[in-house]
N, C-alpha and C. Protein backbone atom coordinates (compact mmCIF):
# COMPACT_ATOMS: atom_id res chain seq x y z
N MET A 1 0.82 -1.03 -0.07
CA MET A 1 -0.11 -0.13 -0.12
C MET A 1 0.91 1.11 0.06
N ALA A 2 2.21 1.08 0.69
CA ALA A 2 2.91 2.08 0.90
C ALA A 2 2.99 3.29 -0.58
N ASP A 3 3.42 2.17 -1.65
CA ASP A 3 4.00 2.87 -3.22
C ASP A 3 2.18 3.52 -3.77
N TYR A 4 1.46 3.25 -3.35
CA TYR A 4 0.41 3.69 -3.79
C TYR A 4 -0.10 4.94 -3.38
N GLN A 5 0.40 5.31 -2.21
CA GLN A 5 0.41 7.02 -2.09
C GLN A 5 0.79 8.35 -2.55
N TYR A 6 2.05 7.56 -3.53
CA TYR A 6 2.56 8.78 -4.61
C TYR A 6 2.60 8.86 -5.68
N LEU A 7 1.10 7.56 -5.96
CA LEU A 7 0.90 7.69 -7.23
C LEU A 7 -0.09 8.91 -7.72
N THR A 8 -0.69 9.26 -8.75
CA THR A 8 -1.93 10.21 -8.97
C THR A 8 -3.08 10.03 -8.51
N ASP A 9 -4.02 10.86 -8.78
CA ASP A 9 -5.45 10.58 -8.92
C ASP A 9 -5.84 9.29 -10.01
N THR A 10 -5.46 9.98 -11.25
CA THR A 10 -5.36 9.52 -12.20
C THR A 10 -4.58 8.04 -12.40
N GLN A 11 -3.52 7.68 -12.10
CA GLN A 11 -2.91 6.32 -12.09
C GLN A 11 -3.98 5.45 -10.75
N LEU A 12 -4.55 6.41 -9.89
CA LEU A 12 -4.98 5.41 -8.91
C LEU A 12 -6.29 5.13 -9.26
N VAL A 13 -6.95 6.09 -9.96
CA VAL A 13 -8.56 5.61 -10.80
C VAL A 13 -8.39 4.36 -11.53
N VAL A 14 -7.20 4.93 -12.34
CA VAL A 14 -7.43 3.78 -14.03
C VAL A 14 -6.40 2.74 -12.89
N ALA A 15 -5.86 2.46 -12.78
CA ALA A 15 -5.42 0.99 -11.55
C ALA A 15 -6.83 0.63 -10.55
N SER A 16 -7.79 1.29 -10.59
CA SER A 16 -9.04 0.57 -9.87
C SER A 16 -10.17 0.57 -10.80
N GLN A 17 -9.93 1.04 -11.94
CA GLN A 17 -11.15 0.90 -12.97
C GLN A 17 -10.58 -0.75 -13.24
N GLY A 18 -9.22 -0.74 -13.44
CA GLY A 18 -8.57 -2.41 -13.83
C GLY A 18 -8.50 -3.15 -12.70
N GLY A 19 -9.70 -2.91 -11.47
CA GLY A 19 -9.84 -3.96 -10.85
C GLY A 19 -8.64 -3.91 -9.22
N ASP A 20 -7.73 -2.99 -9.23
CA ASP A 20 -7.15 -2.94 -8.43
C ASP A 20 -7.41 -2.66 -7.23
N GLN A 21 -7.74 -3.43 -6.06
CA GLN A 21 -8.44 -3.11 -5.12
C GLN A 21 -7.52 -2.29 -3.66
N GLU A 22 -6.24 -2.34 -4.24
CA GLU A 22 -5.15 -1.57 -3.60
C GLU A 22 -5.06 0.06 -3.71
N ALA A 23 -5.53 -0.02 -5.04
CA ALA A 23 -5.41 1.31 -5.59
C ALA A 23 -6.52 2.13 -5.19
N CYS A 24 -7.80 1.25 -4.93
CA CYS A 24 -9.01 1.72 -4.75
C CYS A 24 -9.13 2.14 -2.93
N GLN A 25 -8.34 1.26 -2.52
CA GLN A 25 -8.11 1.75 -1.01
C GLN A 25 -7.41 2.90 -1.17
N ALA A 26 -6.34 3.02 -1.58
CA ALA A 26 -5.54 4.38 -1.48
C ALA A 26 -6.22 5.51 -1.94
N LEU A 27 -7.09 5.69 -2.97
CA LEU A 27 -8.00 6.40 -3.44
C LEU A 27 -8.98 6.92 -2.06
N PHE A 28 -9.19 5.79 -1.67
CA PHE A 28 -10.50 6.31 -0.34
C PHE A 28 -9.45 6.48 0.61
N LEU A 29 -8.47 6.09 0.96
CA LEU A 29 -7.59 6.82 2.17
C LEU A 29 -7.16 8.21 1.72
N ARG A 30 -7.28 8.51 0.87
CA ARG A 30 -6.67 9.88 0.17
C ARG A 30 -7.61 10.94 0.25
N TYR A 31 -9.04 10.48 0.27
CA TYR A 31 -9.94 11.28 -0.01
C TYR A 31 -11.11 11.14 1.16
N GLU A 32 -11.02 9.76 1.96
CA GLU A 32 -11.91 9.70 3.13
C GLU A 32 -12.42 11.20 4.01
N ARG A 33 -11.40 11.92 4.66
CA ARG A 33 -11.48 13.28 5.45
C ARG A 33 -12.07 13.85 4.62
N LEU A 34 -11.98 14.36 3.68
CA LEU A 34 -12.52 15.41 2.91
C LEU A 34 -14.25 15.19 2.75
N VAL A 35 -14.37 13.85 2.18
CA VAL A 35 -16.01 13.76 2.31
C VAL A 35 -16.42 13.99 3.20
N TYR A 36 -15.89 13.36 4.18
CA TYR A 36 -16.66 13.11 5.50
C TYR A 36 -16.72 14.84 6.21
N THR A 37 -16.04 15.50 5.78
CA THR A 37 -16.08 16.57 6.38
C THR A 37 -16.89 17.58 5.93
N ILE A 38 -17.14 17.57 4.44
CA ILE A 38 -18.21 18.55 3.73
C ILE A 38 -19.10 18.75 4.24
N PRO A 39 -20.29 17.48 4.46
CA PRO A 39 -21.37 17.60 5.29
C PRO A 39 -21.31 18.19 6.46
N LEU A 40 -20.29 17.81 7.48
CA LEU A 40 -20.15 18.35 8.51
C LEU A 40 -20.44 19.96 8.55
N ARG A 41 -19.47 20.24 7.73
CA ARG A 41 -19.36 22.03 7.25
C ARG A 41 -20.55 22.59 6.66
N TYR A 42 -21.62 21.47 6.23
CA TYR A 42 -23.12 22.28 5.96
C TYR A 42 -23.81 22.23 7.03
N GLY A 43 -23.67 21.47 7.69
CA GLY A 43 -24.29 21.66 8.86
C GLY A 43 -25.16 20.15 9.13
N LEU A 44 -25.16 19.49 8.78
CA LEU A 44 -25.81 18.08 8.63
C LEU A 44 -25.13 17.17 10.23
N SER A 45 -25.75 16.93 10.75
CA SER A 45 -25.52 15.84 11.96
C SER A 45 -24.45 14.95 11.58
N PRO A 46 -23.69 14.22 12.85
CA PRO A 46 -22.85 13.07 12.36
C PRO A 46 -23.40 11.89 11.39
N ALA A 47 -24.73 11.66 12.19
CA ALA A 47 -25.45 10.62 11.41
C ALA A 47 -25.72 10.74 10.36
N GLU A 48 -26.05 12.03 9.58
CA GLU A 48 -26.38 12.39 7.94
C GLU A 48 -25.15 12.38 7.56
N ALA A 49 -23.99 12.73 8.32
CA ALA A 49 -22.61 12.80 7.47
C ALA A 49 -22.11 11.43 7.15
N ASP A 50 -22.42 10.32 7.97
CA ASP A 50 -22.41 9.14 7.59
C ASP A 50 -22.90 8.93 6.28
N ASP A 51 -24.49 9.13 6.29
CA ASP A 51 -25.21 8.71 4.98
C ASP A 51 -24.37 9.14 3.78
N VAL A 52 -24.17 10.69 3.64
CA VAL A 52 -23.15 11.23 2.85
C VAL A 52 -22.51 10.85 2.40
N PHE A 53 -21.64 10.33 3.36
CA PHE A 53 -20.26 9.57 3.34
C PHE A 53 -19.93 8.66 2.46
N GLN A 54 -20.92 7.62 2.80
CA GLN A 54 -21.20 6.31 2.34
C GLN A 54 -22.14 6.34 0.87
N PHE A 55 -23.05 7.45 0.62
CA PHE A 55 -23.74 7.55 -0.45
C PHE A 55 -22.49 7.90 -1.48
N VAL A 56 -21.52 8.96 -1.35
CA VAL A 56 -20.53 9.43 -2.44
C VAL A 56 -19.53 8.44 -2.56
N TRP A 57 -19.49 7.45 -1.68
CA TRP A 57 -18.18 6.33 -2.23
C TRP A 57 -19.29 5.57 -3.02
N LEU A 58 -20.25 5.09 -2.36
CA LEU A 58 -21.01 3.94 -3.24
C LEU A 58 -21.15 4.73 -4.66
N LEU A 59 -21.65 5.88 -4.90
CA LEU A 59 -21.80 6.41 -6.40
C LEU A 59 -20.24 6.39 -6.81
N LEU A 60 -19.24 6.63 -6.42
CA LEU A 60 -17.75 6.51 -7.32
C LEU A 60 -17.90 5.55 -7.46
N LEU A 61 -17.90 4.09 -6.74
CA LEU A 61 -17.66 2.84 -7.16
C LEU A 61 -18.51 2.43 -8.51
N GLU A 62 -19.76 3.06 -8.57
CA GLU A 62 -20.98 2.80 -9.20
C GLU A 62 -20.19 3.26 -10.63
N HIS A 63 -19.85 4.93 -10.90
CA HIS A 63 -19.57 5.34 -11.90
C HIS A 63 -18.03 5.80 -11.88
N LEU A 64 -17.63 4.78 -11.32
CA LEU A 64 -15.97 4.76 -11.91
C LEU A 64 -15.50 4.11 -13.32
N PRO A 65 -16.16 3.28 -13.55
CA PRO A 65 -15.74 3.07 -15.25
C PRO A 65 -16.02 4.33 -16.27
N GLN A 66 -17.23 4.29 -15.76
CA GLN A 66 -17.31 5.73 -16.61
C GLN A 66 -16.60 7.48 -16.56
N LEU A 67 -15.82 7.23 -15.48
CA LEU A 67 -15.05 8.65 -15.24
C LEU A 67 -14.21 9.06 -16.54
N ARG A 68 -14.82 10.35 -16.73
CA ARG A 68 -13.98 10.74 -18.04
C ARG A 68 -12.57 11.26 -17.77
N ASP A 69 -12.39 12.16 -16.66
CA ASP A 69 -11.10 12.78 -16.52
C ASP A 69 -10.47 12.14 -15.24
N PRO A 70 -10.05 11.09 -15.15
CA PRO A 70 -9.55 10.35 -14.06
C PRO A 70 -8.89 11.33 -12.69
N GLY A 71 -8.09 12.41 -13.31
CA GLY A 71 -7.42 13.48 -12.73
C GLY A 71 -7.87 14.22 -11.58
N ARG A 72 -9.39 14.50 -12.35
CA ARG A 72 -10.06 15.62 -11.17
C ARG A 72 -10.97 14.47 -10.36
N VAL A 73 -10.86 13.08 -10.39
CA VAL A 73 -11.90 12.63 -8.99
C VAL A 73 -12.00 13.19 -7.70
N GLY A 74 -10.80 13.91 -7.22
CA GLY A 74 -11.16 14.82 -5.94
C GLY A 74 -12.28 16.21 -6.19
N GLY A 75 -12.50 16.82 -7.30
CA GLY A 75 -13.39 17.37 -7.74
C GLY A 75 -14.71 16.62 -7.96
N TRP A 76 -14.86 15.66 -8.50
CA TRP A 76 -16.06 14.60 -8.57
C TRP A 76 -16.35 14.62 -6.86
N LEU A 77 -15.94 14.39 -6.33
CA LEU A 77 -16.18 13.57 -4.92
C LEU A 77 -16.55 14.90 -4.06
N VAL A 78 -15.94 16.16 -3.98
CA VAL A 78 -16.42 17.65 -3.64
C VAL A 78 -17.76 17.87 -4.43
N THR A 79 -17.76 17.67 -5.66
CA THR A 79 -19.28 18.17 -5.85
C THR A 79 -20.13 17.01 -5.79
N THR A 80 -19.81 15.86 -5.69
CA THR A 80 -21.08 14.59 -5.52
C THR A 80 -21.37 15.29 -3.88
N ALA A 81 -20.38 15.18 -3.06
CA ALA A 81 -21.00 15.50 -1.86
C ALA A 81 -21.82 16.50 -1.44
N ARG A 82 -21.03 18.04 -2.05
CA ARG A 82 -22.28 18.79 -1.81
C ARG A 82 -23.40 18.93 -2.77
N ARG A 83 -23.49 18.21 -3.66
CA ARG A 83 -25.03 17.89 -4.29
C ARG A 83 -25.77 17.02 -3.35
N GLU A 84 -25.51 16.21 -2.80
CA GLU A 84 -25.89 15.48 -1.67
C GLU A 84 -26.08 16.06 -0.44
N CYS A 85 -25.48 16.90 0.01
CA CYS A 85 -25.81 17.68 1.21
C CYS A 85 -27.02 18.81 0.78
N TRP A 86 -26.93 19.42 -0.19
CA TRP A 86 -27.96 20.34 -0.59
C TRP A 86 -29.26 19.72 -0.59
N ASN A 87 -29.22 18.55 -1.49
CA ASN A 87 -30.58 18.01 -1.55
C ASN A 87 -31.23 17.08 -0.20
N ARG A 88 -29.94 16.84 0.93
CA ARG A 88 -30.71 16.80 2.17
C ARG A 88 -31.07 17.86 2.65
N ARG A 89 -30.62 18.87 2.52
CA ARG A 89 -31.15 19.94 3.50
C ARG A 89 -32.31 20.94 2.74
N ARG A 90 -32.37 20.44 1.71
CA ARG A 90 -33.85 21.10 1.14
C ARG A 90 -34.78 19.97 1.37
N GLY A 91 -34.56 18.59 1.63
CA GLY A 91 -35.59 17.73 2.00
C GLY A 91 -36.23 17.95 2.92
N ALA A 92 -37.43 17.55 2.86
CA ALA A 92 -38.48 17.61 4.10
C ALA A 92 -37.78 16.69 5.30
N GLU A 93 -37.29 15.87 5.12
CA GLU A 93 -36.64 14.71 6.22
C GLU A 93 -35.62 15.61 6.68
N TYR A 94 -35.35 16.68 6.45
CA TYR A 94 -33.77 17.16 6.81
C TYR A 94 -34.55 18.01 8.15
N ARG A 95 -33.87 17.94 9.08
CA ARG A 95 -33.98 18.49 10.14
C ARG A 95 -32.87 18.85 11.08
N ARG A 96 -32.55 19.95 11.40
CA ARG A 96 -31.19 20.12 11.96
C ARG A 96 -31.15 19.71 13.32
N THR A 97 -30.17 18.72 13.86
CA THR A 97 -29.98 18.24 15.02
C THR A 97 -29.32 18.72 15.90
N GLU A 98 -28.36 19.73 15.62
CA GLU A 98 -27.41 20.53 16.16
C GLU A 98 -27.12 21.95 15.60
N SER A 99 -27.03 22.98 16.82
CA SER A 99 -26.93 24.03 16.65
C SER A 99 -25.40 24.46 15.53
N VAL A 100 -25.59 25.33 14.57
CA VAL A 100 -24.85 25.78 14.17
C VAL A 100 -24.00 26.66 15.04
N GLU A 101 -22.42 26.55 15.26
CA GLU A 101 -21.64 27.47 15.61
C GLU A 101 -21.66 28.51 14.90
N PRO A 102 -21.44 29.76 15.61
CA PRO A 102 -21.07 31.05 14.08
C PRO A 102 -19.73 30.69 13.72
N GLU A 103 -18.95 30.27 14.11
CA GLU A 103 -17.71 30.24 13.53
C GLU A 103 -17.68 29.38 12.56
N GLN A 104 -18.64 28.65 12.24
CA GLN A 104 -19.09 27.50 11.16
C GLN A 104 -19.46 28.06 9.54
N ILE A 105 -19.98 29.09 10.29
CA ILE A 105 -21.04 29.87 9.20
C ILE A 105 -19.90 30.36 8.00
N PRO A 106 -18.76 30.83 8.27
CA PRO A 106 -18.00 31.86 7.31
C PRO A 106 -17.27 30.40 6.41
N GLU A 107 -16.82 29.04 7.20
CA GLU A 107 -16.40 28.28 6.64
C GLU A 107 -17.69 27.62 5.78
N GLU A 108 -18.88 27.48 6.15
CA GLU A 108 -19.85 26.91 4.80
C GLU A 108 -19.86 27.89 3.94
N ARG A 109 -19.66 28.89 3.99
CA ARG A 109 -20.00 30.02 2.68
C ARG A 109 -18.85 29.86 1.91
N TRP A 110 -17.46 29.79 2.64
CA TRP A 110 -16.24 29.35 1.92
C TRP A 110 -16.67 28.40 0.93
N LEU A 111 -17.32 26.92 1.31
CA LEU A 111 -17.27 25.92 0.99
C LEU A 111 -18.28 26.01 -0.04
N GLU A 112 -19.32 26.52 -0.01
CA GLU A 112 -20.34 26.51 -1.03
C GLU A 112 -19.78 27.29 -2.18
N GLU A 113 -19.13 28.58 -2.01
CA GLU A 113 -18.58 29.53 -2.91
C GLU A 113 -17.22 28.74 -3.90
N ALA A 114 -16.54 28.04 -3.17
CA ALA A 114 -15.07 27.64 -3.59
C ALA A 114 -15.46 26.60 -4.78
N THR A 115 -14.75 27.03 -6.12
CA THR A 115 -14.63 25.50 -6.89
C THR A 115 -14.18 23.89 -6.17
N PRO A 116 -14.90 22.93 -6.93
CA PRO A 116 -14.23 21.59 -6.31
C PRO A 116 -12.60 21.49 -6.14
N GLU A 117 -12.23 22.48 -7.26
CA GLU A 117 -10.46 22.43 -7.25
C GLU A 117 -10.19 23.14 -6.27
N GLU A 118 -10.76 24.11 -6.16
CA GLU A 118 -10.37 24.79 -4.45
C GLU A 118 -10.55 24.33 -3.37
N VAL A 119 -11.13 23.63 -3.48
CA VAL A 119 -11.70 22.69 -2.00
C VAL A 119 -10.76 21.37 -1.86
N VAL A 120 -10.27 20.82 -3.18
CA VAL A 120 -9.49 19.96 -2.95
C VAL A 120 -7.89 20.03 -2.77
N ALA A 121 -7.56 21.51 -2.95
CA ALA A 121 -6.35 21.88 -2.88
C ALA A 121 -6.48 22.48 -1.42
N ARG A 122 -7.35 23.16 -1.26
CA ARG A 122 -7.00 23.65 0.45
C ARG A 122 -6.75 22.10 1.39
N TYR A 123 -7.74 20.88 0.84
CA TYR A 123 -7.57 20.06 1.39
C TYR A 123 -6.21 19.36 1.66
N ARG A 124 -5.81 19.42 0.26
CA ARG A 124 -4.28 18.89 0.43
C ARG A 124 -3.06 19.82 1.19
N ARG A 125 -3.25 20.85 1.12
CA ARG A 125 -2.89 22.07 2.04
C ARG A 125 -2.47 21.67 3.19
N ASP A 126 -4.14 21.51 3.54
CA ASP A 126 -4.45 20.99 5.25
C ASP A 126 -3.45 19.57 5.74
N GLN A 127 -3.68 19.17 4.30
CA GLN A 127 -3.16 17.50 4.92
C GLN A 127 -1.70 17.89 5.07
N ALA A 128 -0.88 18.15 4.04
CA ALA A 128 0.56 18.62 4.26
C ALA A 128 1.06 19.20 5.24
N LEU A 129 -0.10 20.39 5.86
CA LEU A 129 0.46 21.06 6.85
C LEU A 129 0.29 20.30 8.19
N GLN A 130 -0.77 19.13 8.34
CA GLN A 130 -0.84 17.89 9.22
C GLN A 130 0.02 17.22 9.50
N GLU A 131 0.54 16.67 8.16
CA GLU A 131 1.98 15.79 8.00
C GLU A 131 3.26 16.40 8.56
N ALA A 132 3.48 17.56 8.15
CA ALA A 132 4.43 18.48 8.65
C ALA A 132 4.23 18.42 10.24
N LEU A 133 3.17 18.76 10.71
CA LEU A 133 3.32 19.00 12.33
C LEU A 133 3.87 17.68 12.72
N ARG A 134 3.19 16.75 11.85
CA ARG A 134 3.48 15.17 12.89
C ARG A 134 5.18 14.84 12.64
N GLN A 135 5.72 15.72 11.74
CA GLN A 135 7.08 15.39 11.82
C GLN A 135 8.03 16.30 12.59
N LEU A 136 7.42 16.98 13.55
CA LEU A 136 8.17 17.88 14.22
C LEU A 136 8.17 17.35 15.54
N GLU A 137 9.60 17.61 16.19
CA GLU A 137 9.63 17.12 17.53
C GLU A 137 8.69 17.40 18.52
N PRO A 138 8.03 16.60 19.44
CA PRO A 138 7.15 16.84 20.00
C PRO A 138 6.98 18.07 20.68
N ARG A 139 8.18 18.90 21.16
CA ARG A 139 8.20 20.13 21.77
C ARG A 139 7.65 21.21 20.62
N CYS A 140 7.89 20.71 19.84
CA CYS A 140 7.88 22.26 18.58
C CYS A 140 6.24 21.86 18.38
N ARG A 141 5.57 20.68 18.11
CA ARG A 141 4.53 20.19 17.72
C ARG A 141 3.57 20.90 18.57
N GLU A 142 3.47 20.53 20.13
CA GLU A 142 2.59 20.76 21.31
C GLU A 142 2.51 22.56 21.16
N LEU A 143 3.77 23.24 21.31
CA LEU A 143 3.58 24.74 20.96
C LEU A 143 2.93 25.08 20.07
N LEU A 144 2.87 24.62 18.98
CA LEU A 144 2.23 25.15 17.47
C LEU A 144 0.74 24.85 18.05
N GLN A 145 0.31 23.77 18.34
CA GLN A 145 -0.67 22.82 18.64
C GLN A 145 -1.60 24.34 19.43
N LEU A 146 -0.67 24.55 20.82
CA LEU A 146 -1.24 25.29 22.00
C LEU A 146 -1.45 26.89 21.32
N LEU A 147 -0.72 26.98 20.50
CA LEU A 147 -1.01 28.49 19.76
C LEU A 147 -1.62 28.82 19.06
N TYR A 148 -1.72 27.90 17.83
CA TYR A 148 -2.65 28.08 16.54
C TYR A 148 -4.01 27.02 16.64
N TYR A 149 -3.93 26.07 17.66
CA TYR A 149 -5.13 25.15 17.53
C TYR A 149 -5.75 24.95 18.55
N ASP A 150 -5.41 25.36 19.52
CA ASP A 150 -6.19 24.67 20.99
C ASP A 150 -6.98 25.66 21.11
N PRO A 151 -8.58 25.27 21.11
CA PRO A 151 -9.73 26.08 21.12
C PRO A 151 -9.90 26.75 22.46
N THR A 152 -9.11 26.55 23.14
CA THR A 152 -9.61 27.25 24.44
C THR A 152 -8.43 28.59 24.52
N THR A 153 -7.56 29.18 23.55
CA THR A 153 -6.93 29.69 23.43
C THR A 153 -6.09 30.26 24.60
N PRO A 154 -5.03 29.43 24.81
CA PRO A 154 -4.25 29.60 26.13
C PRO A 154 -3.55 31.24 25.98
N SER A 155 -3.11 31.81 27.17
CA SER A 155 -2.35 32.59 27.62
C SER A 155 -1.00 32.08 27.19
N TYR A 156 0.24 33.32 26.98
CA TYR A 156 1.30 33.12 26.94
C TYR A 156 1.89 32.24 28.43
N ALA A 157 1.44 32.90 29.23
CA ALA A 157 1.93 32.48 30.88
C ALA A 157 1.37 30.85 30.81
N ASP A 158 -0.04 30.54 30.26
CA ASP A 158 -0.30 29.22 30.60
C ASP A 158 0.44 28.02 29.39
N ILE A 159 0.57 28.78 28.32
CA ILE A 159 1.54 28.02 27.41
C ILE A 159 2.94 27.83 28.22
N ALA A 160 3.57 28.64 28.90
CA ALA A 160 5.20 28.62 29.37
C ALA A 160 4.99 27.91 30.61
N ARG A 161 3.79 27.56 31.40
CA ARG A 161 3.68 27.06 32.34
C ARG A 161 3.59 25.43 31.95
N ARG A 162 2.63 25.06 31.00
CA ARG A 162 2.59 23.76 30.33
C ARG A 162 3.63 23.22 29.93
N LEU A 163 4.42 24.37 28.74
CA LEU A 163 5.77 23.63 28.62
C LEU A 163 7.29 23.55 29.06
N HIS A 164 6.73 24.41 30.49
CA HIS A 164 7.73 24.22 31.59
C HIS A 164 9.10 25.39 30.94
N ILE A 165 8.68 26.62 30.48
CA ILE A 165 9.51 27.23 29.58
C ILE A 165 9.06 28.60 29.76
N SER A 166 10.23 29.32 29.59
CA SER A 166 9.96 31.13 30.31
C SER A 166 8.71 31.35 28.81
N ILE A 167 7.89 32.52 29.48
CA ILE A 167 6.91 33.57 28.38
C ILE A 167 8.30 34.16 27.36
N GLY A 168 9.48 34.38 27.51
CA GLY A 168 10.18 34.78 26.54
C GLY A 168 10.94 33.91 25.39
N ALA A 169 10.71 32.84 26.02
CA ALA A 169 11.28 32.13 24.99
C ALA A 169 10.44 31.44 24.18
N ILE A 170 8.74 32.09 24.47
CA ILE A 170 7.72 31.34 23.47
C ILE A 170 7.81 31.85 21.59
N GLY A 171 8.20 33.53 22.04
CA GLY A 171 8.33 33.75 20.55
C GLY A 171 9.67 33.13 19.61
N PRO A 172 10.94 33.00 19.79
CA PRO A 172 11.89 32.42 19.30
C PRO A 172 11.85 31.04 19.28
N THR A 173 11.64 30.47 20.05
CA THR A 173 11.45 28.98 19.65
C THR A 173 9.93 28.62 18.81
N ARG A 174 8.92 29.46 18.98
CA ARG A 174 7.73 29.54 17.57
C ARG A 174 8.46 29.71 16.16
N ALA A 175 9.42 30.79 16.11
CA ALA A 175 9.90 31.28 15.19
C ALA A 175 10.67 30.10 14.45
N ARG A 176 11.54 29.24 14.98
CA ARG A 176 12.43 28.23 14.73
C ARG A 176 11.27 26.99 14.31
N CYS A 177 10.00 26.63 15.23
CA CYS A 177 9.35 25.80 14.91
C CYS A 177 8.67 26.33 13.58
N LEU A 178 8.33 26.97 13.58
CA LEU A 178 7.60 27.55 12.14
C LEU A 178 8.32 27.62 10.71
N GLU A 179 9.70 27.66 10.76
CA GLU A 179 10.59 27.59 9.64
C GLU A 179 10.77 26.09 9.75
N LYS A 180 10.95 25.17 10.74
CA LYS A 180 11.12 23.83 10.36
C LYS A 180 9.69 23.26 9.56
N VAL A 181 8.74 23.82 9.90
CA VAL A 181 7.15 23.64 9.38
C VAL A 181 7.25 23.71 7.71
N ARG A 182 7.90 24.75 7.30
CA ARG A 182 7.99 25.84 6.23
C ARG A 182 8.96 24.44 5.72
N ARG A 183 10.13 24.21 6.04
CA ARG A 183 10.86 23.18 5.17
C ARG A 183 10.29 22.13 5.09
N LEU A 184 9.53 21.68 6.10
CA LEU A 184 8.99 20.72 5.35
C LEU A 184 8.24 20.38 4.59
N LEU A 185 7.42 21.54 4.49
CA LEU A 185 6.27 21.91 2.81
C LEU A 185 7.16 22.08 2.05
N GLN A 186 7.54 22.87 1.98
CA GLN A 186 8.70 22.89 0.79
C GLN A 186 9.22 21.77 0.23
N LYS A 187 9.92 20.80 1.53
CA LYS A 187 10.30 19.29 0.47
C LYS A 187 9.17 18.25 0.18
N SER A 188 8.07 18.32 1.01
CA SER A 188 6.89 17.62 0.61
C SER A 188 6.61 18.35 -0.97
N MET A 189 6.31 19.66 -1.09
CA MET A 189 5.92 20.18 -2.50
C MET A 189 6.87 19.21 -3.92
N TYR A 190 8.49 19.24 -3.36
CA TYR A 190 9.36 18.92 -3.83
C TYR A 190 9.15 17.57 -4.72
N GLN A 191 8.44 16.89 -3.81
CA GLN A 191 8.20 15.18 -4.13
C GLN A 191 7.10 14.88 -4.73
N GLU A 192 6.06 15.96 -5.00
CA GLU A 192 4.56 15.82 -5.83
C GLU A 192 5.28 15.53 -7.38
């Protein structure tokens, strides 16, 4: 399976069309998070997101032999997931079971207005960033997560206390960690 992660979408789709189950699995692994997050960003419940997720993948398997542009399978998945979300939101059976948080609304608008290619590109950038963060040493990773991803937005004093460093060390350490992330992202771009 490891070799499949370096194949292009076109190569994976063509191999899948030829019956290669590992290529099909690699394609699924590449886009599963993207397909699942679309209905959640549209405000559907987790159960409805599961249904949309399953529907989209079954539809892809059904239409895989007829895909005209295998290199755009990511866009096809995004478009199909969006349409299914729209259908569910318009349908009489749709009932919002969870309230939408205010910070979700701009993301939903971006998602609705973006082209499928823009959604796929953003997803790939997010994936590359997450992979770069995983490659950092634990101290850098934890600092960046506290600074940029912690929903409680801890103060510098809280961060210093958690990491057992001085407040004055946070800025320079952050700069070094971000530089490492930048180098890792550049390295991953050259590998594509």
